[in-house]
Amino acid sequence: MTTLRSFFAVLLLALALPVAAQTQGKPPLQPIPEPPPPPPGLELDPALEPQVTILKRGTDTVEEFRIGGKLYMIKVTPAHGVPYYMIDRQGDGKFVRDDTQTQVRPPMWVIFSF
């Protein structure tokens, strides 16, 4: 019984020493200084911020994302399951499901054209 008590005492001491070592010698925390103001002449255009419209369709929640009034992405969150996105990749109003989590999409840049 004494060996079990001494084992737990050594175990407790072994766990407490690293915690005590971490708390000693740390400088006191300082508050973060305020960020500088934006440069003059730089105004944020509210038209560039996305507008999000949240709709309930049955048990699904649909979030529509627009920039400048143009719908470019839809997020569908079913009541049970994983949310998915519908994206207008070409800007022509045709939405495709974005499955980037499950597929590898190589970059498709135009390097040279005739």
PDB file of N, CA and C in Angstrom:
ATOM      1  N   MET A   1       0.820  -1.186   0.000  1.00  0.00           N
ATOM      2  CA  MET A   1       0.000   0.000   0.000  1.00  0.00           C
ATOM      3  C   MET A   1       0.869   1.257   0.000  1.00  0.00           C
ATOM      4  N   THR A   2       1.962   1.223   0.719  1.00  0.00           N
ATOM      5  CA  THR A   2       2.841   2.396   0.756  1.00  0.00           C
ATOM      6  C   THR A   2       3.533   2.600  -0.583  1.00  0.00           C
ATOM      7  N   THR A   3       3.830   1.519  -1.294  1.00  0.00           N
ATOM      8  CA  THR A   3       4.458   1.688  -2.606  1.00  0.00           C
ATOM      9  C   THR A   3       3.470   2.330  -3.583  1.00  0.00           C
ATOM     10  N   LEU A   4       2.187   2.010  -3.453  1.00  0.00           N
ATOM     11  CA  LEU A   4       1.182   2.614  -4.326  1.00  0.00           C
ATOM     12  C   LEU A   4       1.045   4.102  -4.025  1.00  0.00           C
ATOM     13  N   ARG A   5       1.068   4.468  -2.738  1.00  0.00           N
ATOM     14  CA  ARG A   5       1.001   5.878  -2.354  1.00  0.00           C
ATOM     15  C   ARG A   5       2.247   6.629  -2.829  1.00  0.00           C
ATOM     16  N   SER A   6       3.405   6.027  -2.671  1.00  0.00           N
ATOM     17  CA  SER A   6       4.623   6.700  -3.099  1.00  0.00           C
ATOM     18  C   SER A   6       4.654   6.829  -4.631  1.00  0.00           C
ATOM     19  N   PHE A   7       4.117   5.836  -5.337  1.00  0.00           N
ATOM     20  CA  PHE A   7       4.047   5.907  -6.786  1.00  0.00           C
ATOM     21  C   PHE A   7       3.164   7.089  -7.218  1.00  0.00           C
ATOM     22  N   PHE A   8       1.986   7.230  -6.607  1.00  0.00           N
ATOM     23  CA  PHE A   8       1.089   8.339  -6.945  1.00  0.00           C
ATOM     24  C   PHE A   8       1.684   9.679  -6.538  1.00  0.00           C
ATOM     25  N   ALA A   9       2.422   9.727  -5.435  1.00  0.00           N
ATOM     26  CA  ALA A   9       3.069  10.981  -5.020  1.00  0.00           C
ATOM     27  C   ALA A   9       4.129  11.391  -6.036  1.00  0.00           C
ATOM     28  N   VAL A  10       4.919  10.430  -6.517  1.00  0.00           N
ATOM     29  CA  VAL A  10       5.944  10.729  -7.526  1.00  0.00           C
ATOM     30  C   VAL A  10       5.277  11.132  -8.840  1.00  0.00           C
ATOM     31  N   LEU A  11       4.191  10.460  -9.210  1.00  0.00           N
ATOM     32  CA  LEU A  11       3.469  10.789 -10.430  1.00  0.00           C
ATOM     33  C   LEU A  11       2.887  12.202 -10.349  1.00  0.00           C
ATOM     34  N   LEU A  12       2.290  12.557  -9.227  1.00  0.00           N
ATOM     35  CA  LEU A  12       1.737  13.884  -9.043  1.00  0.00           C
ATOM     36  C   LEU A  12       2.834  14.943  -9.102  1.00  0.00           C
ATOM     37  N   LEU A  13       3.965  14.665  -8.490  1.00  0.00           N
ATOM     38  CA  LEU A  13       5.085  15.603  -8.515  1.00  0.00           C
ATOM     39  C   LEU A  13       5.639  15.752  -9.930  1.00  0.00           C
ATOM     40  N   ALA A  14       5.711  14.653 -10.655  1.00  0.00           N
ATOM     41  CA  ALA A  14       6.219  14.691 -12.024  1.00  0.00           C
ATOM     42  C   ALA A  14       5.285  15.498 -12.936  1.00  0.00           C
ATOM     43  N   LEU A  15       3.987  15.459 -12.673  1.00  0.00           N
ATOM     44  CA  LEU A  15       3.040  16.231 -13.476  1.00  0.00           C
ATOM     45  C   LEU A  15       2.991  17.696 -13.054  1.00  0.00           C
ATOM     46  N   ALA A  16       3.255  17.984 -11.793  1.00  0.00           N
ATOM     47  CA  ALA A  16       3.151  19.353 -11.297  1.00  0.00           C
ATOM     48  C   ALA A  16       4.387  20.182 -11.624  1.00  0.00           C
ATOM     49  N   LEU A  17       5.552  19.574 -11.718  1.00  0.00           N
ATOM     50  CA  LEU A  17       6.774  20.329 -11.971  1.00  0.00           C
ATOM     51  C   LEU A  17       6.777  21.042 -13.321  1.00  0.00           C
ATOM     52  N   PRO A  18       6.375  20.406 -14.425  1.00  0.00           N
ATOM     53  CA  PRO A  18       6.361  21.155 -15.691  1.00  0.00           C
ATOM     54  C   PRO A  18       5.391  22.333 -15.672  1.00  0.00           C
ATOM     55  N   VAL A  19       4.275  22.183 -14.982  1.00  0.00           N
ATOM     56  CA  VAL A  19       3.311  23.284 -14.906  1.00  0.00           C
ATOM     57  C   VAL A  19       3.916  24.437 -14.124  1.00  0.00           C
ATOM     58  N   ALA A  20       4.584  24.135 -13.027  1.00  0.00           N
ATOM     59  CA  ALA A  20       5.216  25.178 -12.227  1.00  0.00           C
ATOM     60  C   ALA A  20       6.346  25.844 -13.007  1.00  0.00           C
ATOM     61  N   ALA A  21       7.063  25.073 -13.808  1.00  0.00           N
ATOM     62  CA  ALA A  21       8.171  25.641 -14.585  1.00  0.00           C
ATOM     63  C   ALA A  21       7.652  26.571 -15.679  1.00  0.00           C
ATOM     64  N   GLN A  22       6.469  26.292 -16.223  1.00  0.00           N
ATOM     65  CA  GLN A  22       5.927  27.136 -17.280  1.00  0.00           C
ATOM     66  C   GLN A  22       5.442  28.473 -16.741  1.00  0.00           C
ATOM     67  N   THR A  23       4.978  28.499 -15.498  1.00  0.00           N
ATOM     68  CA  THR A  23       4.426  29.738 -14.958  1.00  0.00           C
ATOM     69  C   THR A  23       5.502  30.658 -14.406  1.00  0.00           C
ATOM     70  N   GLN A  24       6.692  30.146 -14.125  1.00  0.00           N
ATOM     71  CA  GLN A  24       7.762  30.978 -13.577  1.00  0.00           C
ATOM     72  C   GLN A  24       8.560  31.622 -14.702  1.00  0.00           C
ATOM     73  N   GLY A  25       8.965  32.840 -14.487  1.00  0.00           N
ATOM     74  CA  GLY A  25       9.864  33.501 -15.423  1.00  0.00           C
ATOM     75  C   GLY A  25       9.197  34.121 -16.621  1.00  0.00           C
ATOM     76  N   LYS A  26       7.869  34.077 -16.718  1.00  0.00           N
ATOM     77  CA  LYS A  26       7.202  34.703 -17.848  1.00  0.00           C
ATOM     78  C   LYS A  26       7.008  36.179 -17.559  1.00  0.00           C
ATOM     79  N   PRO A  27       7.271  37.031 -18.549  1.00  0.00           N
ATOM     80  CA  PRO A  27       7.029  38.462 -18.330  1.00  0.00           C
ATOM     81  C   PRO A  27       5.517  38.714 -18.291  1.00  0.00           C
ATOM     82  N   PRO A  28       5.103  39.760 -17.607  1.00  0.00           N
ATOM     83  CA  PRO A  28       3.663  40.047 -17.565  1.00  0.00           C
ATOM     84  C   PRO A  28       3.160  40.416 -18.962  1.00  0.00           C
ATOM     85  N   LEU A  29       1.909  40.087 -19.216  1.00  0.00           N
ATOM     86  CA  LEU A  29       1.326  40.355 -20.525  1.00  0.00           C
ATOM     87  C   LEU A  29       1.070  41.845 -20.697  1.00  0.00           C
ATOM     88  N   GLN A  30       1.295  42.326 -21.903  1.00  0.00           N
ATOM     89  CA  GLN A  30       1.091  43.728 -22.233  1.00  0.00           C
ATOM     90  C   GLN A  30      -0.100  43.824 -23.195  1.00  0.00           C
ATOM     91  N   PRO A  31      -0.891  44.877 -23.100  1.00  0.00           N
ATOM     92  CA  PRO A  31      -1.995  45.006 -24.062  1.00  0.00           C
ATOM     93  C   PRO A  31      -1.453  45.301 -25.462  1.00  0.00           C
ATOM     94  N   ILE A  32      -2.200  44.861 -26.461  1.00  0.00           N
ATOM     95  CA  ILE A  32      -1.823  45.083 -27.853  1.00  0.00           C
ATOM     96  C   ILE A  32      -2.116  46.530 -28.211  1.00  0.00           C
ATOM     97  N   PRO A  33      -1.163  47.229 -28.843  1.00  0.00           N
ATOM     98  CA  PRO A  33      -1.432  48.633 -29.204  1.00  0.00           C
ATOM     99  C   PRO A  33      -2.513  48.713 -30.279  1.00  0.00           C
ATOM    100  N   GLU A  34      -3.177  49.842 -30.330  1.00  0.00           N
ATOM    101  CA  GLU A  34      -4.222  50.067 -31.326  1.00  0.00           C
ATOM    102  C   GLU A  34      -3.605  50.082 -32.725  1.00  0.00           C
ATOM    103  N   PRO A  35      -4.302  49.515 -33.713  1.00  0.00           N
ATOM    104  CA  PRO A  35      -3.762  49.556 -35.073  1.00  0.00           C
ATOM    105  C   PRO A  35      -3.781  50.978 -35.619  1.00  0.00           C
ATOM    106  N   PRO A  36      -2.870  51.298 -36.522  1.00  0.00           N
ATOM    107  CA  PRO A  36      -2.859  52.654 -37.080  1.00  0.00           C
ATOM    108  C   PRO A  36      -4.085  52.869 -37.970  1.00  0.00           C
ATOM    109  N   PRO A  37      -4.497  54.105 -38.128  1.00  0.00           N
ATOM    110  CA  PRO A  37      -5.656  54.371 -38.993  1.00  0.00           C
ATOM    111  C   PRO A  37      -5.290  54.109 -40.452  1.00  0.00           C
ATOM    112  N   PRO A  38      -6.292  53.852 -41.300  1.00  0.00           N
ATOM    113  CA  PRO A  38      -5.985  53.635 -42.721  1.00  0.00           C
ATOM    114  C   PRO A  38      -5.428  54.906 -43.343  1.00  0.00           C
ATOM    115  N   PRO A  39      -4.649  54.766 -44.400  1.00  0.00           N
ATOM    116  CA  PRO A  39      -4.073  55.950 -45.037  1.00  0.00           C
ATOM    117  C   PRO A  39      -5.168  56.864 -45.587  1.00  0.00           C
ATOM    118  N   PRO A  40      -4.897  58.144 -45.652  1.00  0.00           N
ATOM    119  CA  PRO A  40      -5.920  59.062 -46.172  1.00  0.00           C
ATOM    120  C   PRO A  40      -6.218  58.762 -47.634  1.00  0.00           C
ATOM    121  N   GLY A  41      -7.467  58.936 -47.993  1.00  0.00           N
ATOM    122  CA  GLY A  41      -7.882  58.681 -49.375  1.00  0.00           C
ATOM    123  C   GLY A  41      -8.330  57.254 -49.604  1.00  0.00           C
ATOM    124  N   LEU A  42      -8.103  56.354 -48.663  1.00  0.00           N
ATOM    125  CA  LEU A  42      -8.520  54.964 -48.815  1.00  0.00           C
ATOM    126  C   LEU A  42      -9.888  54.809 -48.173  1.00  0.00           C
ATOM    127  N   GLU A  43     -10.879  54.683 -48.970  1.00  0.00           N
ATOM    128  CA  GLU A  43     -12.236  54.517 -48.478  1.00  0.00           C
ATOM    129  C   GLU A  43     -12.716  53.133 -48.904  1.00  0.00           C
ATOM    130  N   LEU A  44     -13.364  52.430 -48.004  1.00  0.00           N
ATOM    131  CA  LEU A  44     -13.889  51.113 -48.326  1.00  0.00           C
ATOM    132  C   LEU A  44     -15.191  51.265 -49.100  1.00  0.00           C
ATOM    133  N   ASP A  45     -15.260  50.600 -50.223  1.00  0.00           N
ATOM    134  CA  ASP A  45     -16.449  50.658 -51.061  1.00  0.00           C
ATOM    135  C   ASP A  45     -17.461  49.635 -50.561  1.00  0.00           C
ATOM    136  N   PRO A  46     -18.629  50.068 -50.072  1.00  0.00           N
ATOM    137  CA  PRO A  46     -19.609  49.094 -49.575  1.00  0.00           C
ATOM    138  C   PRO A  46     -20.144  48.195 -50.679  1.00  0.00           C
ATOM    139  N   ALA A  47     -20.006  48.588 -51.946  1.00  0.00           N
ATOM    140  CA  ALA A  47     -20.480  47.741 -53.034  1.00  0.00           C
ATOM    141  C   ALA A  47     -19.601  46.515 -53.211  1.00  0.00           C
ATOM    142  N   LEU A  48     -18.358  46.539 -52.699  1.00  0.00           N
ATOM    143  CA  LEU A  48     -17.462  45.399 -52.841  1.00  0.00           C
ATOM    144  C   LEU A  48     -17.674  44.358 -51.755  1.00  0.00           C
ATOM    145  N   GLU A  49     -18.395  44.707 -50.707  1.00  0.00           N
ATOM    146  CA  GLU A  49     -18.658  43.744 -49.651  1.00  0.00           C
ATOM    147  C   GLU A  49     -19.798  42.833 -50.078  1.00  0.00           C
ATOM    148  N   PRO A  50     -19.674  41.523 -49.808  1.00  0.00           N
ATOM    149  CA  PRO A  50     -20.749  40.621 -50.217  1.00  0.00           C
ATOM    150  C   PRO A  50     -22.011  40.852 -49.388  1.00  0.00           C
ATOM    151  N   GLN A  51     -23.142  40.747 -50.057  1.00  0.00           N
ATOM    152  CA  GLN A  51     -24.438  40.827 -49.402  1.00  0.00           C
ATOM    153  C   GLN A  51     -24.938  39.395 -49.249  1.00  0.00           C
ATOM    154  N   VAL A  52     -25.326  39.040 -48.041  1.00  0.00           N
ATOM    155  CA  VAL A  52     -25.760  37.679 -47.764  1.00  0.00           C
ATOM    156  C   VAL A  52     -27.244  37.702 -47.426  1.00  0.00           C
ATOM    157  N   THR A  53     -28.016  36.883 -48.142  1.00  0.00           N
ATOM    158  CA  THR A  53     -29.441  36.735 -47.884  1.00  0.00           C
ATOM    159  C   THR A  53     -29.676  35.314 -47.391  1.00  0.00           C
ATOM    160  N   ILE A  54     -30.295  35.178 -46.227  1.00  0.00           N
ATOM    161  CA  ILE A  54     -30.542  33.858 -45.640  1.00  0.00           C
ATOM    162  C   ILE A  54     -32.019  33.530 -45.799  1.00  0.00           C
ATOM    163  N   LEU A  55     -32.292  32.387 -46.433  1.00  0.00           N
ATOM    164  CA  LEU A  55     -33.663  31.935 -46.682  1.00  0.00           C
ATOM    165  C   LEU A  55     -33.869  30.550 -46.080  1.00  0.00           C
ATOM    166  N   LYS A  56     -35.106  30.252 -45.679  1.00  0.00           N
ATOM    167  CA  LYS A  56     -35.466  28.906 -45.232  1.00  0.00           C
ATOM    168  C   LYS A  56     -36.335  28.292 -46.321  1.00  0.00           C
ATOM    169  N   ARG A  57     -35.886  27.183 -46.874  1.00  0.00           N
ATOM    170  CA  ARG A  57     -36.660  26.453 -47.883  1.00  0.00           C
ATOM    171  C   ARG A  57     -36.930  25.065 -47.338  1.00  0.00           C
ATOM    172  N   GLY A  58     -38.095  24.874 -46.805  1.00  0.00           N
ATOM    173  CA  GLY A  58     -38.415  23.599 -46.155  1.00  0.00           C
ATOM    174  C   GLY A  58     -37.595  23.476 -44.886  1.00  0.00           C
ATOM    175  N   THR A  59     -36.812  22.423 -44.788  1.00  0.00           N
ATOM    176  CA  THR A  59     -35.931  22.247 -43.628  1.00  0.00           C
ATOM    177  C   THR A  59     -34.512  22.715 -43.928  1.00  0.00           C
ATOM    178  N   ASP A  60     -34.249  23.127 -45.179  1.00  0.00           N
ATOM    179  CA  ASP A  60     -32.917  23.575 -45.566  1.00  0.00           C
ATOM    180  C   ASP A  60     -32.763  25.079 -45.332  1.00  0.00           C
ATOM    181  N   THR A  61     -31.543  25.482 -45.020  1.00  0.00           N
ATOM    182  CA  THR A  61     -31.196  26.894 -44.933  1.00  0.00           C
ATOM    183  C   THR A  61     -30.342  27.234 -46.138  1.00  0.00           C
ATOM    184  N   VAL A  62     -30.758  28.259 -46.877  1.00  0.00           N
ATOM    185  CA  VAL A  62     -30.059  28.660 -48.099  1.00  0.00           C
ATOM    186  C   VAL A  62     -29.513  30.069 -47.891  1.00  0.00           C
ATOM    187  N   GLU A  63     -28.201  30.226 -48.118  1.00  0.00           N
ATOM    188  CA  GLU A  63     -27.558  31.532 -48.022  1.00  0.00           C
ATOM    189  C   GLU A  63     -27.115  31.934 -49.425  1.00  0.00           C
ATOM    190  N   GLU A  64     -27.591  33.086 -49.879  1.00  0.00           N
ATOM    191  CA  GLU A  64     -27.239  33.589 -51.205  1.00  0.00           C
ATOM    192  C   GLU A  64     -26.240  34.727 -51.049  1.00  0.00           C
ATOM    193  N   PHE A  65     -25.120  34.636 -51.762  1.00  0.00           N
ATOM    194  CA  PHE A  65     -24.051  35.629 -51.693  1.00  0.00           C
ATOM    195  C   PHE A  65     -24.040  36.437 -52.980  1.00  0.00           C
ATOM    196  N   ARG A  66     -24.103  37.766 -52.833  1.00  0.00           N
ATOM    197  CA  ARG A  66     -24.109  38.668 -53.988  1.00  0.00           C
ATOM    198  C   ARG A  66     -23.044  39.747 -53.803  1.00  0.00           C
ATOM    199  N   ILE A  67     -22.442  40.145 -54.927  1.00  0.00           N
ATOM    200  CA  ILE A  67     -21.563  41.316 -54.955  1.00  0.00           C
ATOM    201  C   ILE A  67     -22.075  42.201 -56.083  1.00  0.00           C
ATOM    202  N   GLY A  68     -22.375  43.433 -55.733  1.00  0.00           N
ATOM    203  CA  GLY A  68     -22.911  44.359 -56.726  1.00  0.00           C
ATOM    204  C   GLY A  68     -24.247  43.901 -57.273  1.00  0.00           C
ATOM    205  N   GLY A  69     -25.036  43.169 -56.487  1.00  0.00           N
ATOM    206  CA  GLY A  69     -26.342  42.683 -56.912  1.00  0.00           C
ATOM    207  C   GLY A  69     -26.292  41.410 -57.737  1.00  0.00           C
ATOM    208  N   LYS A  70     -25.091  40.905 -58.071  1.00  0.00           N
ATOM    209  CA  LYS A  70     -24.959  39.690 -58.892  1.00  0.00           C
ATOM    210  C   LYS A  70     -24.730  38.485 -57.993  1.00  0.00           C
ATOM    211  N   LEU A  71     -25.586  37.479 -58.130  1.00  0.00           N
ATOM    212  CA  LEU A  71     -25.488  36.248 -57.355  1.00  0.00           C
ATOM    213  C   LEU A  71     -24.326  35.416 -57.868  1.00  0.00           C
ATOM    214  N   TYR A  72     -23.379  35.085 -56.970  1.00  0.00           N
ATOM    215  CA  TYR A  72     -22.214  34.314 -57.402  1.00  0.00           C
ATOM    216  C   TYR A  72     -22.035  33.017 -56.632  1.00  0.00           C
ATOM    217  N   MET A  73     -22.681  32.855 -55.472  1.00  0.00           N
ATOM    218  CA  MET A  73     -22.498  31.630 -54.696  1.00  0.00           C
ATOM    219  C   MET A  73     -23.736  31.392 -53.841  1.00  0.00           C
ATOM    220  N   ILE A  74     -24.092  30.118 -53.672  1.00  0.00           N
ATOM    221  CA  ILE A  74     -25.202  29.709 -52.816  1.00  0.00           C
ATOM    222  C   ILE A  74     -24.682  28.632 -51.881  1.00  0.00           C
ATOM    223  N   LYS A  75     -24.949  28.796 -50.595  1.00  0.00           N
ATOM    224  CA  LYS A  75     -24.590  27.779 -49.608  1.00  0.00           C
ATOM    225  C   LYS A  75     -25.885  27.148 -49.116  1.00  0.00           C
ATOM    226  N   VAL A  76     -25.985  25.835 -49.257  1.00  0.00           N
ATOM    227  CA  VAL A  76     -27.169  25.099 -48.822  1.00  0.00           C
ATOM    228  C   VAL A  76     -26.785  24.275 -47.609  1.00  0.00           C
ATOM    229  N   THR A  77     -27.495  24.494 -46.497  1.00  0.00           N
ATOM    230  CA  THR A  77     -27.262  23.739 -45.274  1.00  0.00           C
ATOM    231  C   THR A  77     -28.503  22.906 -45.002  1.00  0.00           C
ATOM    232  N   PRO A  78     -28.449  21.588 -45.291  1.00  0.00           N
ATOM    233  CA  PRO A  78     -29.609  20.746 -45.008  1.00  0.00           C
ATOM    234  C   PRO A  78     -29.799  20.562 -43.502  1.00  0.00           C
ATOM    235  N   ALA A  79     -31.020  20.173 -43.116  1.00  0.00           N
ATOM    236  CA  ALA A  79     -31.295  19.951 -41.697  1.00  0.00           C
ATOM    237  C   ALA A  79     -30.413  18.835 -41.147  1.00  0.00           C
ATOM    238  N   HIS A  80     -30.175  17.822 -41.933  1.00  0.00           N
ATOM    239  CA  HIS A  80     -29.302  16.712 -41.543  1.00  0.00           C
ATOM    240  C   HIS A  80     -28.313  16.481 -42.665  1.00  0.00           C
ATOM    241  N   GLY A  81     -27.046  16.655 -42.375  1.00  0.00           N
ATOM    242  CA  GLY A  81     -26.032  16.439 -43.396  1.00  0.00           C
ATOM    243  C   GLY A  81     -25.018  17.558 -43.428  1.00  0.00           C
ATOM    244  N   VAL A  82     -24.166  17.497 -44.434  1.00  0.00           N
ATOM    245  CA  VAL A  82     -23.060  18.435 -44.580  1.00  0.00           C
ATOM    246  C   VAL A  82     -23.470  19.560 -45.519  1.00  0.00           C
ATOM    247  N   PRO A  83     -23.165  20.810 -45.174  1.00  0.00           N
ATOM    248  CA  PRO A  83     -23.476  21.915 -46.096  1.00  0.00           C
ATOM    249  C   PRO A  83     -22.673  21.792 -47.390  1.00  0.00           C
ATOM    250  N   TYR A  84     -23.247  22.303 -48.474  1.00  0.00           N
ATOM    251  CA  TYR A  84     -22.544  22.304 -49.755  1.00  0.00           C
ATOM    252  C   TYR A  84     -22.765  23.651 -50.429  1.00  0.00           C
ATOM    253  N   TYR A  85     -21.910  23.944 -51.407  1.00  0.00           N
ATOM    254  CA  TYR A  85     -21.919  25.222 -52.095  1.00  0.00           C
ATOM    255  C   TYR A  85     -22.240  25.024 -53.568  1.00  0.00           C
ATOM    256  N   MET A  86     -22.992  25.966 -54.133  1.00  0.00           N
ATOM    257  CA  MET A  86     -23.243  26.040 -55.565  1.00  0.00           C
ATOM    258  C   MET A  86     -22.578  27.338 -56.032  1.00  0.00           C
ATOM    259  N   ILE A  87     -21.665  27.219 -57.011  1.00  0.00           N
ATOM    260  CA  ILE A  87     -20.859  28.360 -57.429  1.00  0.00           C
ATOM    261  C   ILE A  87     -21.048  28.618 -58.920  1.00  0.00           C
ATOM    262  N   ASP A  88     -21.166  29.902 -59.274  1.00  0.00           N
ATOM    263  CA  ASP A  88     -21.222  30.331 -60.668  1.00  0.00           C
ATOM    264  C   ASP A  88     -19.786  30.608 -61.102  1.00  0.00           C
ATOM    265  N   ARG A  89     -19.131  29.621 -61.677  1.00  0.00           N
ATOM    266  CA  ARG A  89     -17.703  29.733 -61.997  1.00  0.00           C
ATOM    267  C   ARG A  89     -17.426  30.664 -63.180  1.00  0.00           C
ATOM    268  N   GLN A  90     -18.273  30.642 -64.192  1.00  0.00           N
ATOM    269  CA  GLN A  90     -18.021  31.426 -65.408  1.00  0.00           C
ATOM    270  C   GLN A  90     -18.726  32.779 -65.390  1.00  0.00           C
ATOM    271  N   GLY A  91     -19.616  33.014 -64.437  1.00  0.00           N
ATOM    272  CA  GLY A  91     -20.363  34.267 -64.403  1.00  0.00           C
ATOM    273  C   GLY A  91     -21.517  34.301 -65.371  1.00  0.00           C
ATOM    274  N   ASP A  92     -21.955  33.116 -65.864  1.00  0.00           N
ATOM    275  CA  ASP A  92     -23.040  33.065 -66.838  1.00  0.00           C
ATOM    276  C   ASP A  92     -24.373  32.641 -66.226  1.00  0.00           C
ATOM    277  N   GLY A  93     -24.442  32.519 -64.906  1.00  0.00           N
ATOM    278  CA  GLY A  93     -25.688  32.150 -64.243  1.00  0.00           C
ATOM    279  C   GLY A  93     -25.894  30.658 -64.095  1.00  0.00           C
ATOM    280  N   LYS A  94     -24.940  29.851 -64.538  1.00  0.00           N
ATOM    281  CA  LYS A  94     -25.058  28.394 -64.394  1.00  0.00           C
ATOM    282  C   LYS A  94     -24.261  27.986 -63.159  1.00  0.00           C
ATOM    283  N   PHE A  95     -24.956  27.423 -62.189  1.00  0.00           N
ATOM    284  CA  PHE A  95     -24.322  27.052 -60.931  1.00  0.00           C
ATOM    285  C   PHE A  95     -23.959  25.580 -60.944  1.00  0.00           C
ATOM    286  N   VAL A  96     -22.760  25.282 -60.450  1.00  0.00           N
ATOM    287  CA  VAL A  96     -22.304  23.907 -60.308  1.00  0.00           C
ATOM    288  C   VAL A  96     -21.965  23.670 -58.840  1.00  0.00           C
ATOM    289  N   ARG A  97     -22.119  22.428 -58.431  1.00  0.00           N
ATOM    290  CA  ARG A  97     -21.830  22.094 -57.051  1.00  0.00           C
ATOM    291  C   ARG A  97     -20.323  22.073 -56.839  1.00  0.00           C
ATOM    292  N   ASP A  98     -19.881  22.711 -55.775  1.00  0.00           N
ATOM    293  CA  ASP A  98     -18.457  22.779 -55.457  1.00  0.00           C
ATOM    294  C   ASP A  98     -18.124  21.644 -54.507  1.00  0.00           C
ATOM    295  N   ASP A  99     -17.406  20.651 -55.005  1.00  0.00           N
ATOM    296  CA  ASP A  99     -16.990  19.508 -54.193  1.00  0.00           C
ATOM    297  C   ASP A  99     -15.482  19.514 -54.028  1.00  0.00           C
ATOM    298  N   THR A 100     -14.904  20.643 -53.670  1.00  0.00           N
ATOM    299  CA  THR A 100     -13.451  20.735 -53.574  1.00  0.00           C
ATOM    300  C   THR A 100     -12.906  19.925 -52.413  1.00  0.00           C
ATOM    301  N   GLN A 101     -13.736  19.566 -51.443  1.00  0.00           N
ATOM    302  CA  GLN A 101     -13.241  18.787 -50.326  1.00  0.00           C
ATOM    303  C   GLN A 101     -12.967  17.339 -50.745  1.00  0.00           C
ATOM    304  N   THR A 102     -13.656  16.856 -51.775  1.00  0.00           N
ATOM    305  CA  THR A 102     -13.521  15.451 -52.139  1.00  0.00           C
ATOM    306  C   THR A 102     -12.739  15.232 -53.423  1.00  0.00           C
ATOM    307  N   GLN A 103     -12.541  16.271 -54.225  1.00  0.00           N
ATOM    308  CA  GLN A 103     -11.863  16.100 -55.498  1.00  0.00           C
ATOM    309  C   GLN A 103     -10.633  16.991 -55.562  1.00  0.00           C
ATOM    310  N   VAL A 104      -9.694  16.589 -56.395  1.00  0.00           N
ATOM    311  CA  VAL A 104      -8.519  17.419 -56.650  1.00  0.00           C
ATOM    312  C   VAL A 104      -8.819  18.233 -57.898  1.00  0.00           C
ATOM    313  N   ARG A 105      -8.695  19.549 -57.779  1.00  0.00           N
ATOM    314  CA  ARG A 105      -8.926  20.427 -58.916  1.00  0.00           C
ATOM    315  C   ARG A 105      -7.604  21.054 -59.314  1.00  0.00           C
ATOM    316  N   PRO A 106      -7.017  20.615 -60.421  1.00  0.00           N
ATOM    317  CA  PRO A 106      -5.750  21.218 -60.843  1.00  0.00           C
ATOM    318  C   PRO A 106      -5.985  22.634 -61.351  1.00  0.00           C
ATOM    319  N   PRO A 107      -4.972  23.487 -61.257  1.00  0.00           N
ATOM    320  CA  PRO A 107      -5.122  24.834 -61.801  1.00  0.00           C
ATOM    321  C   PRO A 107      -5.285  24.779 -63.314  1.00  0.00           C
ATOM    322  N   MET A 108      -6.165  25.607 -63.838  1.00  0.00           N
ATOM    323  CA  MET A 108      -6.452  25.590 -65.270  1.00  0.00           C
ATOM    324  C   MET A 108      -6.282  27.000 -65.829  1.00  0.00           C
ATOM    325  N   TRP A 109      -5.056  27.514 -65.773  1.00  0.00           N
ATOM    326  CA  TRP A 109      -4.764  28.836 -66.280  1.00  0.00           C
ATOM    327  C   TRP A 109      -4.378  28.757 -67.736  1.00  0.00           C
ATOM    328  N   VAL A 110      -4.688  29.807 -68.471  1.00  0.00           N
ATOM    329  CA  VAL A 110      -4.252  29.900 -69.867  1.00  0.00           C
ATOM    330  C   VAL A 110      -2.833  30.432 -69.846  1.00  0.00           C
ATOM    331  N   ILE A 111      -1.894  29.626 -70.304  1.00  0.00           N
ATOM    332  CA  ILE A 111      -0.495  30.036 -70.314  1.00  0.00           C
ATOM    333  C   ILE A 111      -0.133  30.684 -71.644  1.00  0.00           C
ATOM    334  N   PHE A 112      -0.611  30.099 -72.729  1.00  0.00           N
ATOM    335  CA  PHE A 112      -0.299  30.621 -74.044  1.00  0.00           C
ATOM    336  C   PHE A 112      -1.467  30.308 -74.960  1.00  0.00           C
ATOM    337  N   SER A 113      -1.847  31.246 -75.807  1.00  0.00           N
ATOM    338  CA  SER A 113      -2.906  30.980 -76.778  1.00  0.00           C
ATOM    339  C   SER A 113      -2.475  31.515 -78.129  1.00  0.00           C
ATOM    340  N   PHE A 114      -2.984  30.918 -79.207  1.00  0.00           N
ATOM    341  CA  PHE A 114      -2.617  31.295 -80.563  1.00  0.00           C
ATOM    342  C   PHE A 114      -3.596  32.267 -81.126  1.00  0.00           C
TER     343      PHE A 114
END
